[in-house]
Amino acid sequence: MTYAQKYLDLVRSALRARGERDSDNHVAKTLDISRTAVYNWKNEITGIGIIDGYRIALFLDLDPLVVVSELHKDEFKSPELRQFFSLVSDVKKKADEAA
């Protein structure tokens, strides 16, 4: 399972918990994205980008930096983006430990 699928499943679970439908169409409307994007994430065609990851984090009330960093561990992403978000994640962990 990719991180994109993980977060898509979390969104679907949150919608069900709120008594809402968890269809691709409803997920897309809730996150203000295209239904094609949801289909692509679900079928491992593409990963979730930074802005959509941010929207998902806000919807799930999670730390956007953590969500976006995890999403960029998926193999769809370029090696440079994976490396960048890995570094960002390490810096955040050190800052959290120091606090």
PDB file of N, CA and C in Angstrom:
ATOM      1  N   MET A   1       0.846  -1.177   0.000  1.00  0.00           N
ATOM      2  CA  MET A   1       0.000   0.000   0.000  1.00  0.00           C
ATOM      3  C   MET A   1       0.896   1.247   0.000  1.00  0.00           C
ATOM      4  N   THR A   2       0.570   2.175  -0.864  1.00  0.00           N
ATOM      5  CA  THR A   2       1.329   3.431  -0.935  1.00  0.00           C
ATOM      6  C   THR A   2       0.803   4.398   0.130  1.00  0.00           C
ATOM      7  N   TYR A   3       1.579   5.440   0.380  1.00  0.00           N
ATOM      8  CA  TYR A   3       1.110   6.473   1.306  1.00  0.00           C
ATOM      9  C   TYR A   3      -0.119   7.174   0.740  1.00  0.00           C
ATOM     10  N   ALA A   4      -0.177   7.325  -0.574  1.00  0.00           N
ATOM     11  CA  ALA A   4      -1.355   7.931  -1.197  1.00  0.00           C
ATOM     12  C   ALA A   4      -2.597   7.109  -0.868  1.00  0.00           C
ATOM     13  N   GLN A   5      -2.497   5.801  -0.981  1.00  0.00           N
ATOM     14  CA  GLN A   5      -3.633   4.942  -0.657  1.00  0.00           C
ATOM     15  C   GLN A   5      -3.964   5.007   0.835  1.00  0.00           C
ATOM     16  N   LYS A   6      -2.924   5.064   1.670  1.00  0.00           N
ATOM     17  CA  LYS A   6      -3.136   5.159   3.123  1.00  0.00           C
ATOM     18  C   LYS A   6      -3.968   6.391   3.456  1.00  0.00           C
ATOM     19  N   TYR A   7      -3.558   7.535   2.923  1.00  0.00           N
ATOM     20  CA  TYR A   7      -4.281   8.766   3.249  1.00  0.00           C
ATOM     21  C   TYR A   7      -5.654   8.819   2.595  1.00  0.00           C
ATOM     22  N   LEU A   8      -5.791   8.240   1.435  1.00  0.00           N
ATOM     23  CA  LEU A   8      -7.105   8.140   0.809  1.00  0.00           C
ATOM     24  C   LEU A   8      -8.030   7.296   1.686  1.00  0.00           C
ATOM     25  N   ASP A   9      -7.525   6.192   2.211  1.00  0.00           N
ATOM     26  CA  ASP A   9      -8.316   5.353   3.113  1.00  0.00           C
ATOM     27  C   ASP A   9      -8.697   6.105   4.391  1.00  0.00           C
ATOM     28  N   LEU A  10      -7.766   6.914   4.909  1.00  0.00           N
ATOM     29  CA  LEU A  10      -8.073   7.704   6.110  1.00  0.00           C
ATOM     30  C   LEU A  10      -9.175   8.723   5.833  1.00  0.00           C
ATOM     31  N   VAL A  11      -9.138   9.343   4.656  1.00  0.00           N
ATOM     32  CA  VAL A  11     -10.196  10.288   4.288  1.00  0.00           C
ATOM     33  C   VAL A  11     -11.528   9.558   4.186  1.00  0.00           C
ATOM     34  N   ARG A  12     -11.518   8.409   3.528  1.00  0.00           N
ATOM     35  CA  ARG A  12     -12.758   7.631   3.398  1.00  0.00           C
ATOM     36  C   ARG A  12     -13.310   7.240   4.772  1.00  0.00           C
ATOM     37  N   SER A  13     -12.439   6.802   5.672  1.00  0.00           N
ATOM     38  CA  SER A  13     -12.864   6.424   7.023  1.00  0.00           C
ATOM     39  C   SER A  13     -13.455   7.614   7.772  1.00  0.00           C
ATOM     40  N   ALA A  14     -12.826   8.770   7.629  1.00  0.00           N
ATOM     41  CA  ALA A  14     -13.335   9.977   8.290  1.00  0.00           C
ATOM     42  C   ALA A  14     -14.712  10.356   7.743  1.00  0.00           C
ATOM     43  N   LEU A  15     -14.892  10.225   6.450  1.00  0.00           N
ATOM     44  CA  LEU A  15     -16.201  10.525   5.858  1.00  0.00           C
ATOM     45  C   LEU A  15     -17.261   9.567   6.387  1.00  0.00           C
ATOM     46  N   ARG A  16     -16.929   8.283   6.431  1.00  0.00           N
ATOM     47  CA  ARG A  16     -17.885   7.292   6.968  1.00  0.00           C
ATOM     48  C   ARG A  16     -18.215   7.596   8.425  1.00  0.00           C
ATOM     49  N   ALA A  17     -17.217   7.978   9.206  1.00  0.00           N
ATOM     50  CA  ALA A  17     -17.431   8.299  10.622  1.00  0.00           C
ATOM     51  C   ALA A  17     -18.365   9.498  10.784  1.00  0.00           C
ATOM     52  N   ARG A  18     -18.355  10.386   9.807  1.00  0.00           N
ATOM     53  CA  ARG A  18     -19.240  11.557   9.827  1.00  0.00           C
ATOM     54  C   ARG A  18     -20.607  11.241   9.224  1.00  0.00           C
ATOM     55  N   GLY A  19     -20.813  10.001   8.808  1.00  0.00           N
ATOM     56  CA  GLY A  19     -22.086   9.607   8.224  1.00  0.00           C
ATOM     57  C   GLY A  19     -22.235  10.012   6.769  1.00  0.00           C
ATOM     58  N   GLU A  20     -21.116  10.290   6.105  1.00  0.00           N
ATOM     59  CA  GLU A  20     -21.145  10.695   4.705  1.00  0.00           C
ATOM     60  C   GLU A  20     -20.703   9.541   3.812  1.00  0.00           C
ATOM     61  N   ARG A  21     -20.998   9.684   2.524  1.00  0.00           N
ATOM     62  CA  ARG A  21     -20.569   8.682   1.544  1.00  0.00           C
ATOM     63  C   ARG A  21     -19.049   8.731   1.402  1.00  0.00           C
ATOM     64  N   ASP A  22     -18.472   7.603   1.005  1.00  0.00           N
ATOM     65  CA  ASP A  22     -17.020   7.572   0.792  1.00  0.00           C
ATOM     66  C   ASP A  22     -16.678   7.246  -0.657  1.00  0.00           C
ATOM     67  N   SER A  23     -17.583   7.610  -1.564  1.00  0.00           N
ATOM     68  CA  SER A  23     -17.358   7.371  -2.991  1.00  0.00           C
ATOM     69  C   SER A  23     -16.231   8.263  -3.509  1.00  0.00           C
ATOM     70  N   ASP A  24     -15.648   7.866  -4.639  1.00  0.00           N
ATOM     71  CA  ASP A  24     -14.604   8.690  -5.262  1.00  0.00           C
ATOM     72  C   ASP A  24     -15.109  10.105  -5.510  1.00  0.00           C
ATOM     73  N   ASN A  25     -16.336  10.208  -5.978  1.00  0.00           N
ATOM     74  CA  ASN A  25     -16.912  11.510  -6.296  1.00  0.00           C
ATOM     75  C   ASN A  25     -17.036  12.375  -5.042  1.00  0.00           C
ATOM     76  N   HIS A  26     -17.500  11.790  -3.946  1.00  0.00           N
ATOM     77  CA  HIS A  26     -17.671  12.565  -2.713  1.00  0.00           C
ATOM     78  C   HIS A  26     -16.319  12.949  -2.105  1.00  0.00           C
ATOM     79  N   VAL A  27     -15.359  12.038  -2.170  1.00  0.00           N
ATOM     80  CA  VAL A  27     -14.009  12.361  -1.706  1.00  0.00           C
ATOM     81  C   VAL A  27     -13.468  13.549  -2.500  1.00  0.00           C
ATOM     82  N   ALA A  28     -13.634  13.489  -3.811  1.00  0.00           N
ATOM     83  CA  ALA A  28     -13.151  14.576  -4.677  1.00  0.00           C
ATOM     84  C   ALA A  28     -13.813  15.904  -4.324  1.00  0.00           C
ATOM     85  N   LYS A  29     -15.123  15.899  -4.140  1.00  0.00           N
ATOM     86  CA  LYS A  29     -15.827  17.137  -3.793  1.00  0.00           C
ATOM     87  C   LYS A  29     -15.389  17.646  -2.423  1.00  0.00           C
ATOM     88  N   THR A  30     -15.215  16.754  -1.478  1.00  0.00           N
ATOM     89  CA  THR A  30     -14.818  17.145  -0.127  1.00  0.00           C
ATOM     90  C   THR A  30     -13.442  17.813  -0.122  1.00  0.00           C
ATOM     91  N   LEU A  31     -12.511  17.271  -0.919  1.00  0.00           N
ATOM     92  CA  LEU A  31     -11.144  17.796  -0.957  1.00  0.00           C
ATOM     93  C   LEU A  31     -10.944  18.851  -2.030  1.00  0.00           C
ATOM     94  N   ASP A  32     -11.996  19.130  -2.808  1.00  0.00           N
ATOM     95  CA  ASP A  32     -11.941  20.099  -3.906  1.00  0.00           C
ATOM     96  C   ASP A  32     -10.858  19.723  -4.926  1.00  0.00           C
ATOM     97  N   ILE A  33     -10.929  18.469  -5.353  1.00  0.00           N
ATOM     98  CA  ILE A  33     -10.008  17.941  -6.367  1.00  0.00           C
ATOM     99  C   ILE A  33     -10.818  17.204  -7.418  1.00  0.00           C
ATOM    100  N   SER A  34     -10.167  16.703  -8.437  1.00  0.00           N
ATOM    101  CA  SER A  34     -10.884  15.988  -9.492  1.00  0.00           C
ATOM    102  C   SER A  34     -11.103  14.525  -9.095  1.00  0.00           C
ATOM    103  N   ARG A  35     -12.163  13.968  -9.633  1.00  0.00           N
ATOM    104  CA  ARG A  35     -12.447  12.549  -9.408  1.00  0.00           C
ATOM    105  C   ARG A  35     -11.353  11.693 -10.043  1.00  0.00           C
ATOM    106  N   THR A  36     -10.777  12.184 -11.129  1.00  0.00           N
ATOM    107  CA  THR A  36      -9.678  11.471 -11.783  1.00  0.00           C
ATOM    108  C   THR A  36      -8.476  11.357 -10.857  1.00  0.00           C
ATOM    109  N   ALA A  37      -8.191  12.406 -10.089  1.00  0.00           N
ATOM    110  CA  ALA A  37      -7.076  12.360  -9.139  1.00  0.00           C
ATOM    111  C   ALA A  37      -7.308  11.262  -8.115  1.00  0.00           C
ATOM    112  N   VAL A  38      -8.514  11.175  -7.581  1.00  0.00           N
ATOM    113  CA  VAL A  38      -8.834  10.138  -6.595  1.00  0.00           C
ATOM    114  C   VAL A  38      -8.656   8.753  -7.228  1.00  0.00           C
ATOM    115  N   TYR A  39      -9.149   8.585  -8.426  1.00  0.00           N
ATOM    116  CA  TYR A  39      -9.001   7.316  -9.145  1.00  0.00           C
ATOM    117  C   TYR A  39      -7.511   6.973  -9.314  1.00  0.00           C
ATOM    118  N   ASN A  40      -6.719   7.956  -9.705  1.00  0.00           N
ATOM    119  CA  ASN A  40      -5.289   7.721  -9.920  1.00  0.00           C
ATOM    120  C   ASN A  40      -4.574   7.338  -8.632  1.00  0.00           C
ATOM    121  N   TRP A  41      -4.924   7.969  -7.526  1.00  0.00           N
ATOM    122  CA  TRP A  41      -4.309   7.614  -6.239  1.00  0.00           C
ATOM    123  C   TRP A  41      -4.696   6.201  -5.841  1.00  0.00           C
ATOM    124  N   LYS A  42      -5.976   5.907  -5.989  1.00  0.00           N
ATOM    125  CA  LYS A  42      -6.504   4.604  -5.586  1.00  0.00           C
ATOM    126  C   LYS A  42      -5.853   3.476  -6.383  1.00  0.00           C
ATOM    127  N   ASN A  43      -5.578   3.727  -7.638  1.00  0.00           N
ATOM    128  CA  ASN A  43      -5.036   2.695  -8.520  1.00  0.00           C
ATOM    129  C   ASN A  43      -3.520   2.797  -8.717  1.00  0.00           C
ATOM    130  N   GLU A  44      -2.858   3.549  -7.860  1.00  0.00           N
ATOM    131  CA  GLU A  44      -1.402   3.679  -7.877  1.00  0.00           C
ATOM    132  C   GLU A  44      -0.854   4.184  -9.213  1.00  0.00           C
ATOM    133  N   ILE A  45      -1.604   5.056  -9.849  1.00  0.00           N
ATOM    134  CA  ILE A  45      -1.159   5.634 -11.118  1.00  0.00           C
ATOM    135  C   ILE A  45      -0.301   6.867 -10.852  1.00  0.00           C
ATOM    136  N   THR A  46      -0.744   7.694  -9.911  1.00  0.00           N
ATOM    137  CA  THR A  46       0.022   8.873  -9.509  1.00  0.00           C
ATOM    138  C   THR A  46      -0.019   8.999  -7.996  1.00  0.00           C
ATOM    139  N   GLY A  47       0.868   9.838  -7.503  1.00  0.00           N
ATOM    140  CA  GLY A  47       0.883  10.130  -6.078  1.00  0.00           C
ATOM    141  C   GLY A  47       0.141  11.426  -5.801  1.00  0.00           C
ATOM    142  N   ILE A  48       0.061  11.752  -4.527  1.00  0.00           N
ATOM    143  CA  ILE A  48      -0.622  12.965  -4.094  1.00  0.00           C
ATOM    144  C   ILE A  48       0.399  14.092  -4.018  1.00  0.00           C
ATOM    145  N   GLY A  49       0.076  15.221  -4.607  1.00  0.00           N
ATOM    146  CA  GLY A  49       0.973  16.369  -4.605  1.00  0.00           C
ATOM    147  C   GLY A  49       0.934  17.155  -3.308  1.00  0.00           C
ATOM    148  N   ILE A  50       1.731  18.198  -3.261  1.00  0.00           N
ATOM    149  CA  ILE A  50       1.885  18.995  -2.044  1.00  0.00           C
ATOM    150  C   ILE A  50       0.573  19.666  -1.638  1.00  0.00           C
ATOM    151  N   ILE A  51      -0.083  20.340  -2.564  1.00  0.00           N
ATOM    152  CA  ILE A  51      -1.315  21.063  -2.232  1.00  0.00           C
ATOM    153  C   ILE A  51      -2.421  20.104  -1.824  1.00  0.00           C
ATOM    154  N   ASP A  52      -2.590  19.008  -2.557  1.00  0.00           N
ATOM    155  CA  ASP A  52      -3.616  18.030  -2.189  1.00  0.00           C
ATOM    156  C   ASP A  52      -3.275  17.354  -0.864  1.00  0.00           C
ATOM    157  N   GLY A  53      -1.998  17.126  -0.622  1.00  0.00           N
ATOM    158  CA  GLY A  53      -1.577  16.575   0.668  1.00  0.00           C
ATOM    159  C   GLY A  53      -1.908  17.527   1.801  1.00  0.00           C
ATOM    160  N   TYR A  54      -1.711  18.806   1.546  1.00  0.00           N
ATOM    161  CA  TYR A  54      -2.059  19.836   2.534  1.00  0.00           C
ATOM    162  C   TYR A  54      -3.563  19.816   2.815  1.00  0.00           C
ATOM    163  N   ARG A  55      -4.365  19.718   1.770  1.00  0.00           N
ATOM    164  CA  ARG A  55      -5.828  19.667   1.940  1.00  0.00           C
ATOM    165  C   ARG A  55      -6.236  18.440   2.750  1.00  0.00           C
ATOM    166  N   ILE A  56      -5.610  17.320   2.461  1.00  0.00           N
ATOM    167  CA  ILE A  56      -5.914  16.092   3.202  1.00  0.00           C
ATOM    168  C   ILE A  56      -5.549  16.265   4.673  1.00  0.00           C
ATOM    169  N   ALA A  57      -4.374  16.837   4.938  1.00  0.00           N
ATOM    170  CA  ALA A  57      -3.938  17.055   6.323  1.00  0.00           C
ATOM    171  C   ALA A  57      -4.935  17.942   7.064  1.00  0.00           C
ATOM    172  N   LEU A  58      -5.380  19.017   6.428  1.00  0.00           N
ATOM    173  CA  LEU A  58      -6.355  19.903   7.068  1.00  0.00           C
ATOM    174  C   LEU A  58      -7.660  19.161   7.339  1.00  0.00           C
ATOM    175  N   PHE A  59      -8.128  18.399   6.362  1.00  0.00           N
ATOM    176  CA  PHE A  59      -9.372  17.651   6.530  1.00  0.00           C
ATOM    177  C   PHE A  59      -9.262  16.655   7.678  1.00  0.00           C
ATOM    178  N   LEU A  60      -8.115  15.981   7.788  1.00  0.00           N
ATOM    179  CA  LEU A  60      -7.922  14.969   8.825  1.00  0.00           C
ATOM    180  C   LEU A  60      -7.396  15.551  10.137  1.00  0.00           C
ATOM    181  N   ASP A  61      -7.164  16.862  10.166  1.00  0.00           N
ATOM    182  CA  ASP A  61      -6.613  17.543  11.334  1.00  0.00           C
ATOM    183  C   ASP A  61      -5.267  16.940  11.747  1.00  0.00           C
ATOM    184  N   LEU A  62      -4.393  16.783  10.748  1.00  0.00           N
ATOM    185  CA  LEU A  62      -3.047  16.257  10.963  1.00  0.00           C
ATOM    186  C   LEU A  62      -2.019  17.324  10.606  1.00  0.00           C
ATOM    187  N   ASP A  63      -0.791  17.127  11.039  1.00  0.00           N
ATOM    188  CA  ASP A  63       0.303  18.041  10.723  1.00  0.00           C
ATOM    189  C   ASP A  63       0.576  17.971   9.216  1.00  0.00           C
ATOM    190  N   PRO A  64       0.368  19.066   8.491  1.00  0.00           N
ATOM    191  CA  PRO A  64       0.567  19.039   7.042  1.00  0.00           C
ATOM    192  C   PRO A  64       1.973  18.639   6.629  1.00  0.00           C
ATOM    193  N   LEU A  65       2.973  19.050   7.370  1.00  0.00           N
ATOM    194  CA  LEU A  65       4.351  18.717   7.017  1.00  0.00           C
ATOM    195  C   LEU A  65       4.596  17.212   7.104  1.00  0.00           C
ATOM    196  N   VAL A  66       4.032  16.584   8.118  1.00  0.00           N
ATOM    197  CA  VAL A  66       4.179  15.133   8.264  1.00  0.00           C
ATOM    198  C   VAL A  66       3.475  14.417   7.116  1.00  0.00           C
ATOM    199  N   VAL A  67       2.255  14.842   6.810  1.00  0.00           N
ATOM    200  CA  VAL A  67       1.480  14.200   5.742  1.00  0.00           C
ATOM    201  C   VAL A  67       2.201  14.347   4.403  1.00  0.00           C
ATOM    202  N   VAL A  68       2.597  15.566   4.066  1.00  0.00           N
ATOM    203  CA  VAL A  68       3.250  15.807   2.773  1.00  0.00           C
ATOM    204  C   VAL A  68       4.591  15.068   2.711  1.00  0.00           C
ATOM    205  N   SER A  69       5.321  15.045   3.811  1.00  0.00           N
ATOM    206  CA  SER A  69       6.595  14.312   3.828  1.00  0.00           C
ATOM    207  C   SER A  69       6.382  12.826   3.581  1.00  0.00           C
ATOM    208  N   GLU A  70       5.381  12.250   4.240  1.00  0.00           N
ATOM    209  CA  GLU A  70       5.098  10.832   4.008  1.00  0.00           C
ATOM    210  C   GLU A  70       4.668  10.570   2.574  1.00  0.00           C
ATOM    211  N   LEU A  71       3.823  11.438   2.051  1.00  0.00           N
ATOM    212  CA  LEU A  71       3.342  11.252   0.678  1.00  0.00           C
ATOM    213  C   LEU A  71       4.486  11.276  -0.328  1.00  0.00           C
ATOM    214  N   HIS A  72       5.543  11.987   0.009  1.00  0.00           N
ATOM    215  CA  HIS A  72       6.672  12.066  -0.919  1.00  0.00           C
ATOM    216  C   HIS A  72       7.678  10.935  -0.742  1.00  0.00           C
ATOM    217  N   LYS A  73       7.323   9.965   0.078  1.00  0.00           N
ATOM    218  CA  LYS A  73       8.119   8.738   0.158  1.00  0.00           C
ATOM    219  C   LYS A  73       7.663   7.737  -0.909  1.00  0.00           C
ATOM    220  N   ASP A  74       6.488   7.982  -1.497  1.00  0.00           N
ATOM    221  CA  ASP A  74       5.977   7.093  -2.542  1.00  0.00           C
ATOM    222  C   ASP A  74       6.905   7.108  -3.745  1.00  0.00           C
ATOM    223  N   GLU A  75       7.008   5.978  -4.386  1.00  0.00           N
ATOM    224  CA  GLU A  75       7.945   5.836  -5.508  1.00  0.00           C
ATOM    225  C   GLU A  75       7.562   6.657  -6.734  1.00  0.00           C
ATOM    226  N   PHE A  76       6.323   7.195  -6.774  1.00  0.00           N
ATOM    227  CA  PHE A  76       5.927   8.022  -7.917  1.00  0.00           C
ATOM    228  C   PHE A  76       6.744   9.300  -7.976  1.00  0.00           C
ATOM    229  N   LYS A  77       7.183   9.753  -6.821  1.00  0.00           N
ATOM    230  CA  LYS A  77       7.819  11.052  -6.721  1.00  0.00           C
ATOM    231  C   LYS A  77       9.261  11.000  -7.200  1.00  0.00           C
ATOM    232  N   SER A  78       9.731  12.127  -7.656  1.00  0.00           N
ATOM    233  CA  SER A  78      11.106  12.200  -8.146  1.00  0.00           C
ATOM    234  C   SER A  78      12.068  11.995  -6.977  1.00  0.00           C
ATOM    235  N   PRO A  79      13.243  11.466  -7.261  1.00  0.00           N
ATOM    236  CA  PRO A  79      14.229  11.262  -6.196  1.00  0.00           C
ATOM    237  C   PRO A  79      14.573  12.558  -5.459  1.00  0.00           C
ATOM    238  N   GLU A  80      14.601  13.667  -6.187  1.00  0.00           N
ATOM    239  CA  GLU A  80      14.931  14.947  -5.553  1.00  0.00           C
ATOM    240  C   GLU A  80      13.861  15.359  -4.548  1.00  0.00           C
ATOM    241  N   LEU A  81      12.585  15.184  -4.915  1.00  0.00           N
ATOM    242  CA  LEU A  81      11.512  15.523  -3.977  1.00  0.00           C
ATOM    243  C   LEU A  81      11.522  14.589  -2.778  1.00  0.00           C
ATOM    244  N   ARG A  82      11.748  13.309  -3.005  1.00  0.00           N
ATOM    245  CA  ARG A  82      11.818  12.357  -1.888  1.00  0.00           C
ATOM    246  C   ARG A  82      12.939  12.754  -0.935  1.00  0.00           C
ATOM    247  N   GLN A  83      14.095  13.099  -1.478  1.00  0.00           N
ATOM    248  CA  GLN A  83      15.235  13.485  -0.651  1.00  0.00           C
ATOM    249  C   GLN A  83      14.940  14.779   0.110  1.00  0.00           C
ATOM    250  N   PHE A  84      14.358  15.754  -0.575  1.00  0.00           N
ATOM    251  CA  PHE A  84      14.027  17.019   0.071  1.00  0.00           C
ATOM    252  C   PHE A  84      13.102  16.795   1.257  1.00  0.00           C
ATOM    253  N   PHE A  85      12.012  16.058   1.052  1.00  0.00           N
ATOM    254  CA  PHE A  85      11.048  15.868   2.138  1.00  0.00           C
ATOM    255  C   PHE A  85      11.597  14.961   3.236  1.00  0.00           C
ATOM    256  N   SER A  86      12.520  14.102   2.903  1.00  0.00           N
ATOM    257  CA  SER A  86      13.196  13.308   3.925  1.00  0.00           C
ATOM    258  C   SER A  86      14.021  14.222   4.828  1.00  0.00           C
ATOM    259  N   LEU A  87      14.743  15.170   4.226  1.00  0.00           N
ATOM    260  CA  LEU A  87      15.522  16.138   5.002  1.00  0.00           C
ATOM    261  C   LEU A  87      14.618  17.025   5.853  1.00  0.00           C
ATOM    262  N   VAL A  88      13.530  17.488   5.271  1.00  0.00           N
ATOM    263  CA  VAL A  88      12.584  18.329   5.999  1.00  0.00           C
ATOM    264  C   VAL A  88      12.014  17.562   7.191  1.00  0.00           C
ATOM    265  N   SER A  89      11.671  16.310   6.967  1.00  0.00           N
ATOM    266  CA  SER A  89      11.129  15.474   8.027  1.00  0.00           C
ATOM    267  C   SER A  89      12.139  15.295   9.157  1.00  0.00           C
ATOM    268  N   ASP A  90      13.411  15.088   8.796  1.00  0.00           N
ATOM    269  CA  ASP A  90      14.458  14.938   9.815  1.00  0.00           C
ATOM    270  C   ASP A  90      14.619  16.221  10.630  1.00  0.00           C
ATOM    271  N   VAL A  91      14.591  17.361   9.968  1.00  0.00           N
ATOM    272  CA  VAL A  91      14.716  18.643  10.657  1.00  0.00           C
ATOM    273  C   VAL A  91      13.544  18.849  11.613  1.00  0.00           C
ATOM    274  N   LYS A  92      12.349  18.516  11.166  1.00  0.00           N
ATOM    275  CA  LYS A  92      11.158  18.662  12.013  1.00  0.00           C
ATOM    276  C   LYS A  92      11.263  17.770  13.230  1.00  0.00           C
ATOM    277  N   LYS A  93      11.698  16.516  13.056  1.00  0.00           N
ATOM    278  CA  LYS A  93      11.835  15.601  14.191  1.00  0.00           C
ATOM    279  C   LYS A  93      12.820  16.153  15.206  1.00  0.00           C
ATOM    280  N   LYS A  94      13.950  16.669  14.742  1.00  0.00           N
ATOM    281  CA  LYS A  94      14.946  17.255  15.659  1.00  0.00           C
ATOM    282  C   LYS A  94      14.394  18.463  16.379  1.00  0.00           C
ATOM    283  N   ALA A  95      13.635  19.289  15.688  1.00  0.00           N
ATOM    284  CA  ALA A  95      13.041  20.472  16.314  1.00  0.00           C
ATOM    285  C   ALA A  95      11.999  20.056  17.359  1.00  0.00           C
ATOM    286  N   ASP A  96      11.208  19.034  17.039  1.00  0.00           N
ATOM    287  CA  ASP A  96      10.197  18.546  17.985  1.00  0.00           C
ATOM    288  C   ASP A  96      10.854  17.959  19.232  1.00  0.00           C
ATOM    289  N   GLU A  97      11.961  17.242  19.031  1.00  0.00           N
ATOM    290  CA  GLU A  97      12.685  16.651  20.175  1.00  0.00           C
ATOM    291  C   GLU A  97      13.302  17.721  21.046  1.00  0.00           C
ATOM    292  N   ALA A  98      13.751  18.808  20.449  1.00  0.00           N
ATOM    293  CA  ALA A  98      14.398  19.885  21.197  1.00  0.00           C
ATOM    294  C   ALA A  98      13.374  20.711  21.985  1.00  0.00           C
ATOM    295  N   ALA A  99      12.144  20.703  21.532  1.00  0.00           N
ATOM    296  CA  ALA A  99      11.081  21.525  22.175  1.00  0.00           C
ATOM    297  C   ALA A  99      10.582  20.921  23.473  1.00  0.00           C
TER     298      ALA A  99
END
